[in-house]
Protein backbone atom coordinates (compact mmCIF):
# COMPACT_ATOMS: atom_id res chain seq x y z
CA MET A 1 57.11 91.05 -100.35
CA LYS A 2 55.57 88.49 -98.05
CA LYS A 3 52.97 86.14 -99.47
CA GLU A 4 50.26 87.48 -97.09
CA GLY A 5 50.98 91.07 -98.18
CA LYS A 6 50.71 90.02 -101.83
CA TRP A 7 47.22 88.58 -101.32
CA PHE A 8 46.15 91.58 -99.25
CA GLY A 9 47.21 93.90 -102.09
CA PHE A 10 45.46 91.70 -104.63
CA PHE A 11 42.14 91.72 -102.75
CA ILE A 12 42.24 95.47 -102.09
CA THR A 13 43.02 96.17 -105.76
CA PHE A 14 40.36 93.70 -106.89
CA GLY A 15 37.75 95.36 -104.67
CA VAL A 16 38.61 98.86 -105.88
CA MET A 17 38.55 97.73 -109.52
CA CYS A 18 35.18 95.98 -109.09
CA LEU A 19 33.65 99.07 -107.51
CA PHE A 20 35.10 101.24 -110.25
CA TRP A 21 33.69 98.89 -112.90
CA ILE A 22 30.20 98.93 -111.35
CA VAL A 23 30.17 102.72 -110.96
CA LEU A 24 31.34 103.35 -114.52
CA SER A 25 29.24 100.71 -116.25
CA GLY A 26 26.10 101.17 -114.19
CA LEU A 27 24.92 97.76 -115.39
CA LEU A 28 24.11 95.10 -112.83
CA THR A 29 23.28 92.20 -115.14
CA ALA A 30 24.95 88.85 -114.49
CA PHE A 31 26.97 89.09 -117.72
CA HIS A 32 28.36 92.52 -116.88
CA LEU A 33 29.13 91.61 -113.26
CA ILE A 34 30.97 88.43 -114.32
CA ALA A 35 32.86 90.28 -117.08
CA GLY A 36 33.73 93.04 -114.61
CA GLY A 37 34.90 90.49 -112.05
CA ILE A 38 37.14 88.75 -114.57
CA CYS A 39 38.61 92.03 -115.82
CA SER A 40 39.09 93.27 -112.25
CA ALA A 41 40.84 90.02 -111.27
CA LEU A 42 43.16 90.30 -114.28
CA VAL A 43 44.02 93.93 -113.52
CA ALA A 44 44.49 93.13 -109.82
CA PHE A 45 46.76 90.19 -110.64
CA LEU A 46 48.94 92.30 -112.95
CA SER A 47 49.10 95.48 -110.91
CA HIS A 48 48.25 94.83 -107.25
CA ASP A 49 51.67 95.97 -106.10
CA LEU A 50 51.15 99.41 -107.66
CA LEU A 51 48.14 100.27 -105.52
CA VAL A 52 49.10 98.55 -102.26
CA GLU A 53 52.73 98.01 -101.27
CA GLY A 54 52.12 95.10 -98.96
CA LYS A 55 49.95 94.60 -95.91
CA SER A 56 49.85 97.43 -93.46
CA ASP A 57 47.59 98.00 -90.48
CA LYS A 58 47.22 101.57 -91.65
CA THR A 59 46.34 100.95 -95.33
CA LEU A 60 42.59 100.82 -94.70
CA LEU A 61 42.78 103.87 -92.43
CA LYS A 62 44.65 105.83 -95.10
CA PHE A 63 42.11 104.73 -97.69
CA TRP A 64 39.24 105.84 -95.45
CA ARG A 65 40.90 109.21 -94.81
CA LEU A 66 41.41 109.65 -98.55
CA LEU A 67 37.71 108.94 -99.16
CA CYS A 68 36.84 111.58 -96.54
CA TYR A 69 39.21 114.06 -98.21
CA ILE A 70 37.53 113.77 -101.62
CA PRO A 71 34.36 115.75 -100.71
CA TRP A 72 36.49 118.55 -99.26
CA GLU A 73 38.60 118.63 -102.44
CA LEU A 74 35.48 118.67 -104.62
CA TRP A 75 34.20 121.65 -102.63
CA GLN A 76 37.54 123.44 -103.17
CA ILE A 77 37.19 122.77 -106.89
CA VAL A 78 33.70 124.34 -106.87
CA LEU A 79 34.96 127.41 -104.99
CA ALA A 80 37.95 127.77 -107.31
CA ASN A 81 35.68 127.47 -110.36
CA ILE A 82 33.54 130.32 -109.04
CA ASP A 83 36.66 132.41 -108.36
CA VAL A 84 38.07 131.83 -111.86
CA ALA A 85 34.68 132.56 -113.47
CA CYS A 86 34.37 135.83 -111.51
CA ARG A 87 37.88 136.86 -112.55
CA VAL A 88 37.22 136.13 -116.22
CA LEU A 89 33.80 137.81 -116.26
CA HIS A 90 34.88 140.86 -114.23
CA PRO A 91 35.21 143.96 -116.47
CA LYS A 92 38.74 144.69 -115.21
CA MET A 93 39.70 141.00 -115.39
CA PRO A 94 41.77 140.87 -112.15
CA ILE A 95 44.19 138.20 -113.32
CA ASP A 96 47.77 138.42 -112.12
CA PRO A 97 49.51 135.15 -113.04
CA CYS A 98 52.48 134.11 -110.96
CA VAL A 99 54.79 131.17 -110.44
CA PHE A 100 55.75 130.42 -106.87
CA GLU A 101 57.58 127.74 -104.93
CA PHE A 102 56.98 126.26 -101.53
CA GLU A 103 58.34 123.38 -99.50
CA THR A 104 56.30 120.84 -97.62
CA SER A 105 57.15 118.23 -95.03
CA LEU A 106 55.50 115.54 -97.18
CA ARG A 107 57.95 112.93 -98.50
CA GLY A 108 55.90 109.86 -99.41
CA ASP A 109 55.19 109.23 -103.10
CA TRP A 110 51.44 108.92 -102.55
CA ALA A 111 51.31 112.06 -100.39
CA LEU A 112 53.30 114.16 -102.87
CA THR A 113 51.25 112.86 -105.79
CA THR A 114 47.97 113.53 -103.99
CA LEU A 115 49.01 117.10 -103.15
CA ALA A 116 50.28 117.78 -106.69
CA ASN A 117 47.07 116.41 -108.24
CA SER A 118 44.89 118.30 -105.76
CA ILE A 119 46.62 121.55 -106.68
CA THR A 120 46.28 120.87 -110.41
CA LEU A 121 42.64 119.79 -110.14
CA THR A 122 41.77 123.07 -108.43
CA PRO A 123 41.07 125.63 -111.20
CA GLY A 124 43.46 128.55 -111.23
CA THR A 125 46.50 126.55 -110.11
CA ILE A 126 48.77 124.07 -111.86
CA THR A 127 51.64 122.08 -110.38
CA ILE A 128 54.63 122.60 -112.65
CA ASN A 129 57.31 120.63 -110.86
CA VAL A 130 57.84 118.56 -107.72
CA GLU A 131 61.21 117.74 -106.16
CA PRO A 132 60.43 114.74 -103.94
CA GLU A 133 63.75 114.80 -102.07
CA ARG A 134 63.11 118.29 -100.70
CA GLY A 135 59.31 118.30 -100.87
CA LYS A 136 59.56 121.37 -103.07
CA PHE A 137 56.66 122.35 -105.32
CA GLN A 138 56.64 124.82 -108.16
CA VAL A 139 53.11 126.05 -108.94
CA HIS A 140 51.54 128.45 -111.43
CA ALA A 141 48.55 130.42 -110.15
CA ILE A 142 46.11 132.68 -111.96
CA ALA A 143 46.30 135.24 -109.14
CA LYS A 144 48.17 135.98 -105.93
CA GLU A 145 45.16 134.97 -103.80
CA SER A 146 45.38 131.42 -105.16
CA ALA A 147 49.06 131.33 -104.22
CA ASP A 148 48.34 132.65 -100.73
CA ALA A 149 45.90 129.79 -100.11
CA LEU A 150 48.76 127.32 -100.58
CA LEU A 151 51.52 129.39 -98.96
CA VAL A 152 49.79 130.92 -95.95
CA ASP A 153 46.73 128.80 -95.14
CA GLN A 154 48.27 125.40 -96.01
CA THR A 155 44.98 123.58 -95.31
CA MET A 156 45.42 121.31 -98.32
CA GLN A 157 48.93 120.31 -97.20
CA ARG A 158 47.75 119.58 -93.66
CA LYS A 159 44.83 117.48 -94.91
CA VAL A 160 47.08 115.44 -97.23
CA ALA A 161 49.61 114.98 -94.40
CA HIS A 162 46.76 113.73 -92.18
CA ILE A 163 45.66 111.20 -94.81
CA PHE A 164 49.11 109.65 -95.14
CA MET A 165 50.08 110.13 -91.48
CA GLU A 166 52.97 112.44 -92.24
CA SER A 167 51.98 115.19 -89.81
């Protein structure tokens, strides 16, 4: 990795870690900000290459697109929670678990991981297995409707592909 790319990755990781520290601690005293800065610098120094794989003109764009994707994913989680609650509370309990497979055009590690985690975070579905070479996912769903959302609609796959520019 080039020296410039190394520093770029360090500063991006440092910034993300500092923000994470501030959000989680909620304390803005000088002591806590300095301690957070030191800890963030240490983490960034040790692991900057895990978050950013070198300088890219598109890294900030991908990060921005990911930030824009998060509210949509949170809304999907809310909708799925309502669906699961209705199924559990319904007198006939319309639960029809199934395991299904689908293939996606996504091939990047970050894209596959984001899709797998998005599926698992959405109540009623769990990613069982991912074959990165083929982009093949194996998913368990609480009902056929949950499976259809991934197989037919494919909105989540398209949004993740847009984030990582794999459309």
